[in-house]
Amino acid sequence: MKKTTFAALMLCSTIAFAQLPNPADYTVTIHVTASRISRPINQAGQAGQQIQVVIEGKKYELQGLSDGVLALGDYKAKLREIHRNSYDIYQTYEFLMPDGKTRNFTLTGIQE
């Protein structure tokens, strides 16, 4: 019984460790300059979160899901880009939070 319990605990901890994001994959630095909650945007009623950011000196607006207001400051992220044509931009950034969790934000605006 003890061996089975120990083996189960070891397996669970190995699986949990394997799912942690690798910080080296998050090479984009995103500076959040403004953050606000928007109306609920999903069927579960979870609030939308709109953030103003600076990425490589350019200003963008991103939107994601959260029940809180994202703290201002720098975050590491990785870009997930989809190319559908040559004139529209479809981008999602996966932010790596300080606690190791991730959150996705989709590009919703560009400023000059």
N, C-alpha and C. Protein backbone atom coordinates (compact mmCIF):
# COMPACT_ATOMS: atom_id res chain seq x y z
N MET A 1 0.82 -1.19 0.00
CA MET A 1 0.00 0.00 0.00
C MET A 1 0.86 1.25 0.00
N LYS A 2 1.90 1.27 0.85
CA LYS A 2 2.77 2.44 0.93
C LYS A 2 3.54 2.64 -0.38
N LYS A 3 3.96 1.53 -1.01
CA LYS A 3 4.69 1.63 -2.26
C LYS A 3 3.80 2.21 -3.36
N THR A 4 2.55 1.80 -3.40
CA THR A 4 1.62 2.30 -4.40
C THR A 4 1.37 3.79 -4.20
N THR A 5 1.16 4.21 -2.96
CA THR A 5 0.94 5.62 -2.66
C THR A 5 2.16 6.45 -3.05
N PHE A 6 3.35 5.97 -2.69
CA PHE A 6 4.59 6.67 -3.03
C PHE A 6 4.75 6.79 -4.54
N ALA A 7 4.47 5.72 -5.26
CA ALA A 7 4.59 5.73 -6.72
C ALA A 7 3.60 6.72 -7.33
N ALA A 8 2.39 6.76 -6.80
CA ALA A 8 1.38 7.70 -7.31
C ALA A 8 1.80 9.14 -7.06
N LEU A 9 2.34 9.41 -5.89
CA LEU A 9 2.81 10.76 -5.58
C LEU A 9 3.96 11.17 -6.49
N MET A 10 4.88 10.27 -6.75
CA MET A 10 6.00 10.56 -7.63
C MET A 10 5.53 10.83 -9.05
N LEU A 11 4.56 10.06 -9.52
CA LEU A 11 4.03 10.25 -10.86
C LEU A 11 3.34 11.60 -10.98
N CYS A 12 2.54 11.97 -10.00
CA CYS A 12 1.84 13.25 -10.01
C CYS A 12 2.82 14.42 -10.01
N SER A 13 3.85 14.33 -9.20
CA SER A 13 4.82 15.42 -9.15
C SER A 13 5.62 15.51 -10.44
N THR A 14 5.90 14.39 -11.08
CA THR A 14 6.62 14.39 -12.36
C THR A 14 5.76 15.02 -13.44
N ILE A 15 4.48 14.68 -13.48
CA ILE A 15 3.57 15.27 -14.46
C ILE A 15 3.43 16.77 -14.23
N ALA A 16 3.27 17.19 -13.01
CA ALA A 16 3.13 18.62 -12.70
C ALA A 16 4.39 19.37 -13.09
N PHE A 17 5.56 18.81 -12.84
CA PHE A 17 6.82 19.46 -13.18
C PHE A 17 6.98 19.56 -14.69
N ALA A 18 6.57 18.55 -15.42
CA ALA A 18 6.74 18.52 -16.87
C ALA A 18 5.88 19.57 -17.56
N GLN A 19 4.82 20.02 -16.94
CA GLN A 19 3.91 20.97 -17.57
C GLN A 19 4.28 22.43 -17.31
N LEU A 20 5.31 22.69 -16.55
CA LEU A 20 5.71 24.06 -16.29
C LEU A 20 6.28 24.68 -17.56
N PRO A 21 5.92 25.93 -17.86
CA PRO A 21 6.47 26.57 -19.05
C PRO A 21 7.96 26.85 -18.87
N ASN A 22 8.68 26.81 -19.97
CA ASN A 22 10.11 27.08 -19.96
C ASN A 22 10.32 28.59 -20.14
N PRO A 23 10.83 29.30 -19.15
CA PRO A 23 11.01 30.75 -19.26
C PRO A 23 11.87 31.17 -20.45
N ALA A 24 12.76 30.32 -20.92
CA ALA A 24 13.60 30.65 -22.07
C ALA A 24 12.80 30.79 -23.36
N ASP A 25 11.58 30.22 -23.40
CA ASP A 25 10.73 30.33 -24.58
C ASP A 25 10.03 31.69 -24.67
N TYR A 26 10.06 32.45 -23.62
CA TYR A 26 9.35 33.73 -23.55
C TYR A 26 10.35 34.85 -23.78
N THR A 27 10.60 35.17 -25.04
CA THR A 27 11.69 36.07 -25.42
C THR A 27 11.24 37.50 -25.70
N VAL A 28 9.94 37.74 -25.75
CA VAL A 28 9.42 39.08 -26.04
C VAL A 28 9.16 39.79 -24.72
N THR A 29 9.68 41.01 -24.59
CA THR A 29 9.38 41.82 -23.40
C THR A 29 8.24 42.76 -23.74
N ILE A 30 7.19 42.70 -22.94
CA ILE A 30 6.01 43.54 -23.14
C ILE A 30 5.84 44.43 -21.93
N HIS A 31 5.77 45.75 -22.19
CA HIS A 31 5.59 46.72 -21.11
C HIS A 31 4.12 47.15 -21.09
N VAL A 32 3.40 46.81 -20.03
CA VAL A 32 1.99 47.17 -19.88
C VAL A 32 1.91 48.58 -19.30
N THR A 33 1.26 49.48 -20.05
CA THR A 33 1.15 50.88 -19.62
C THR A 33 -0.23 51.24 -19.11
N ALA A 34 -1.26 50.46 -19.46
CA ALA A 34 -2.62 50.70 -18.98
C ALA A 34 -3.38 49.38 -18.99
N SER A 35 -4.31 49.24 -18.06
CA SER A 35 -5.06 47.99 -17.94
C SER A 35 -6.46 48.31 -17.43
N ARG A 36 -7.47 47.66 -18.04
CA ARG A 36 -8.84 47.87 -17.57
C ARG A 36 -9.69 46.65 -17.85
N ILE A 37 -10.76 46.54 -17.08
CA ILE A 37 -11.75 45.47 -17.27
C ILE A 37 -12.78 45.96 -18.27
N SER A 38 -13.19 45.08 -19.18
CA SER A 38 -14.25 45.41 -20.12
C SER A 38 -15.45 44.51 -19.85
N ARG A 39 -16.50 44.70 -20.59
CA ARG A 39 -17.72 43.92 -20.39
C ARG A 39 -17.43 42.43 -20.52
N PRO A 40 -18.26 41.57 -19.95
CA PRO A 40 -18.04 40.12 -20.10
C PRO A 40 -18.02 39.75 -21.58
N ILE A 41 -17.03 38.94 -21.97
CA ILE A 41 -16.92 38.61 -23.39
C ILE A 41 -17.02 37.11 -23.67
N ASN A 42 -17.23 36.31 -22.64
CA ASN A 42 -17.44 34.88 -22.94
C ASN A 42 -18.73 34.42 -22.28
N GLN A 43 -19.18 33.25 -22.66
CA GLN A 43 -20.46 32.75 -22.18
C GLN A 43 -20.47 32.47 -20.69
N ALA A 44 -19.31 32.24 -20.11
CA ALA A 44 -19.23 31.98 -18.67
C ALA A 44 -19.31 33.27 -17.87
N GLY A 45 -19.33 34.41 -18.57
CA GLY A 45 -19.43 35.69 -17.88
C GLY A 45 -18.10 36.22 -17.38
N GLN A 46 -16.99 35.58 -17.78
CA GLN A 46 -15.68 36.06 -17.36
C GLN A 46 -15.41 37.39 -18.04
N ALA A 47 -14.82 38.30 -17.30
CA ALA A 47 -14.59 39.65 -17.80
C ALA A 47 -13.45 39.67 -18.81
N GLY A 48 -13.57 40.60 -19.73
CA GLY A 48 -12.48 40.85 -20.66
C GLY A 48 -11.50 41.81 -20.01
N GLN A 49 -10.28 41.72 -20.42
CA GLN A 49 -9.24 42.59 -19.89
C GLN A 49 -8.54 43.24 -21.07
N GLN A 50 -8.58 44.55 -21.14
CA GLN A 50 -7.91 45.27 -22.21
C GLN A 50 -6.68 45.94 -21.64
N ILE A 51 -5.56 45.75 -22.34
CA ILE A 51 -4.31 46.35 -21.87
C ILE A 51 -3.66 47.13 -23.01
N GLN A 52 -3.05 48.24 -22.65
CA GLN A 52 -2.24 49.02 -23.57
C GLN A 52 -0.80 48.61 -23.29
N VAL A 53 -0.06 48.31 -24.36
CA VAL A 53 1.30 47.81 -24.18
C VAL A 53 2.26 48.48 -25.16
N VAL A 54 3.53 48.37 -24.82
CA VAL A 54 4.60 48.77 -25.73
C VAL A 54 5.46 47.53 -25.98
N ILE A 55 5.61 47.19 -27.27
CA ILE A 55 6.42 46.05 -27.68
C ILE A 55 7.42 46.56 -28.71
N GLU A 56 8.69 46.47 -28.39
CA GLU A 56 9.76 46.94 -29.27
C GLU A 56 9.51 48.37 -29.74
N GLY A 57 9.08 49.23 -28.83
CA GLY A 57 8.88 50.64 -29.12
C GLY A 57 7.57 50.99 -29.81
N LYS A 58 6.73 50.02 -30.12
CA LYS A 58 5.45 50.26 -30.78
C LYS A 58 4.31 50.05 -29.80
N LYS A 59 3.24 50.85 -29.95
CA LYS A 59 2.10 50.79 -29.05
C LYS A 59 1.00 49.90 -29.63
N TYR A 60 0.49 49.01 -28.76
CA TYR A 60 -0.57 48.09 -29.17
C TYR A 60 -1.63 48.02 -28.08
N GLU A 61 -2.81 47.50 -28.47
CA GLU A 61 -3.85 47.15 -27.52
C GLU A 61 -4.07 45.65 -27.63
N LEU A 62 -4.09 44.98 -26.49
CA LEU A 62 -4.33 43.54 -26.44
C LEU A 62 -5.54 43.26 -25.56
N GLN A 63 -6.19 42.14 -25.80
CA GLN A 63 -7.35 41.76 -25.00
C GLN A 63 -7.25 40.30 -24.61
N GLY A 64 -7.61 40.02 -23.36
CA GLY A 64 -7.62 38.67 -22.84
C GLY A 64 -8.76 38.48 -21.86
N LEU A 65 -8.72 37.40 -21.11
CA LEU A 65 -9.74 37.11 -20.11
C LEU A 65 -9.11 37.13 -18.72
N SER A 66 -9.78 37.78 -17.80
CA SER A 66 -9.33 37.81 -16.41
C SER A 66 -10.40 38.46 -15.58
N ASP A 67 -10.41 38.15 -14.31
CA ASP A 67 -11.36 38.79 -13.40
C ASP A 67 -10.74 39.97 -12.68
N GLY A 68 -9.48 40.27 -12.97
CA GLY A 68 -8.80 41.37 -12.30
C GLY A 68 -8.16 42.30 -13.30
N VAL A 69 -7.54 43.34 -12.79
CA VAL A 69 -6.81 44.30 -13.61
C VAL A 69 -5.34 43.90 -13.55
N LEU A 70 -4.73 43.71 -14.71
CA LEU A 70 -3.33 43.31 -14.76
C LEU A 70 -2.44 44.45 -14.26
N ALA A 71 -1.52 44.13 -13.38
CA ALA A 71 -0.60 45.13 -12.85
C ALA A 71 0.27 45.68 -13.97
N LEU A 72 0.58 46.97 -13.88
CA LEU A 72 1.44 47.60 -14.87
C LEU A 72 2.87 47.12 -14.69
N GLY A 73 3.63 47.14 -15.77
CA GLY A 73 5.03 46.73 -15.69
C GLY A 73 5.42 45.84 -16.85
N ASP A 74 6.58 45.22 -16.72
CA ASP A 74 7.14 44.38 -17.78
C ASP A 74 6.79 42.92 -17.57
N TYR A 75 6.46 42.25 -18.67
CA TYR A 75 6.16 40.83 -18.67
C TYR A 75 6.91 40.18 -19.82
N LYS A 76 7.28 38.93 -19.64
CA LYS A 76 7.87 38.14 -20.71
C LYS A 76 6.74 37.40 -21.42
N ALA A 77 6.88 37.27 -22.73
CA ALA A 77 5.82 36.63 -23.52
C ALA A 77 6.43 35.94 -24.72
N LYS A 78 5.60 35.13 -25.36
CA LYS A 78 5.98 34.56 -26.65
C LYS A 78 4.85 34.81 -27.63
N LEU A 79 5.22 35.02 -28.87
CA LEU A 79 4.27 35.37 -29.91
C LEU A 79 3.75 34.13 -30.59
N ARG A 80 2.44 34.07 -30.72
CA ARG A 80 1.78 33.03 -31.52
C ARG A 80 1.09 33.78 -32.66
N GLU A 81 1.64 33.65 -33.85
CA GLU A 81 1.16 34.43 -34.98
C GLU A 81 0.55 33.51 -36.03
N ILE A 82 -0.57 33.97 -36.61
CA ILE A 82 -1.25 33.24 -37.67
C ILE A 82 -1.24 34.12 -38.91
N HIS A 83 -0.74 33.60 -40.01
CA HIS A 83 -0.72 34.35 -41.27
C HIS A 83 -1.88 33.90 -42.15
N ARG A 84 -2.84 34.78 -42.36
CA ARG A 84 -3.97 34.44 -43.23
C ARG A 84 -3.88 35.17 -44.56
N ASN A 85 -3.29 36.35 -44.53
CA ASN A 85 -3.09 37.12 -45.76
C ASN A 85 -1.99 38.15 -45.50
N SER A 86 -1.71 38.99 -46.48
CA SER A 86 -0.59 39.92 -46.36
C SER A 86 -0.95 41.26 -45.73
N TYR A 87 -2.23 41.51 -45.47
CA TYR A 87 -2.63 42.83 -44.99
C TYR A 87 -3.28 42.84 -43.61
N ASP A 88 -3.76 41.73 -43.11
CA ASP A 88 -4.31 41.65 -41.77
C ASP A 88 -3.30 41.03 -40.83
N ILE A 89 -3.31 41.49 -39.59
CA ILE A 89 -2.39 40.96 -38.59
C ILE A 89 -3.20 40.17 -37.56
N TYR A 90 -2.85 38.92 -37.35
CA TYR A 90 -3.48 38.06 -36.36
C TYR A 90 -2.39 37.59 -35.41
N GLN A 91 -2.40 38.13 -34.20
CA GLN A 91 -1.36 37.77 -33.24
C GLN A 91 -1.96 37.53 -31.87
N THR A 92 -1.41 36.55 -31.19
CA THR A 92 -1.72 36.30 -29.79
C THR A 92 -0.41 36.18 -29.05
N TYR A 93 -0.31 36.86 -27.91
CA TYR A 93 0.87 36.77 -27.06
C TYR A 93 0.54 35.95 -25.83
N GLU A 94 1.37 34.99 -25.53
CA GLU A 94 1.22 34.20 -24.31
C GLU A 94 2.16 34.79 -23.26
N PHE A 95 1.58 35.41 -22.24
CA PHE A 95 2.35 36.03 -21.17
C PHE A 95 2.74 34.98 -20.14
N LEU A 96 3.96 35.07 -19.66
CA LEU A 96 4.41 34.24 -18.54
C LEU A 96 4.30 35.09 -17.28
N MET A 97 3.42 34.70 -16.39
CA MET A 97 3.21 35.45 -15.15
C MET A 97 4.29 35.10 -14.12
N PRO A 98 4.50 35.97 -13.14
CA PRO A 98 5.53 35.73 -12.13
C PRO A 98 5.38 34.40 -11.38
N ASP A 99 4.15 33.90 -11.26
CA ASP A 99 3.94 32.63 -10.55
C ASP A 99 4.08 31.41 -11.45
N GLY A 100 4.47 31.61 -12.72
CA GLY A 100 4.66 30.50 -13.65
C GLY A 100 3.44 30.17 -14.48
N LYS A 101 2.30 30.77 -14.19
CA LYS A 101 1.10 30.54 -14.99
C LYS A 101 1.20 31.37 -16.27
N THR A 102 0.38 31.02 -17.25
CA THR A 102 0.37 31.78 -18.50
C THR A 102 -1.02 32.35 -18.75
N ARG A 103 -1.06 33.39 -19.57
CA ARG A 103 -2.32 34.02 -19.94
C ARG A 103 -2.18 34.53 -21.37
N ASN A 104 -3.20 34.33 -22.18
CA ASN A 104 -3.16 34.75 -23.58
C ASN A 104 -3.84 36.10 -23.78
N PHE A 105 -3.21 36.93 -24.59
CA PHE A 105 -3.76 38.22 -24.99
C PHE A 105 -3.68 38.34 -26.51
N THR A 106 -4.79 38.70 -27.12
CA THR A 106 -4.89 38.81 -28.57
C THR A 106 -4.79 40.27 -28.98
N LEU A 107 -4.10 40.52 -30.08
CA LEU A 107 -3.95 41.86 -30.62
C LEU A 107 -5.31 42.38 -31.08
N THR A 108 -5.71 43.55 -30.55
CA THR A 108 -6.98 44.15 -30.94
C THR A 108 -6.81 45.57 -31.45
N GLY A 109 -5.62 46.12 -31.37
CA GLY A 109 -5.40 47.46 -31.87
C GLY A 109 -3.93 47.80 -32.01
N ILE A 110 -3.64 48.71 -32.94
CA ILE A 110 -2.29 49.21 -33.17
C ILE A 110 -2.35 50.71 -33.17
N GLN A 111 -1.38 51.35 -32.51
CA GLN A 111 -1.29 52.81 -32.50
C GLN A 111 0.03 53.22 -33.12
N GLU A 112 0.02 54.39 -33.71
CA GLU A 112 1.24 54.88 -34.30
C GLU A 112 2.10 55.61 -33.30
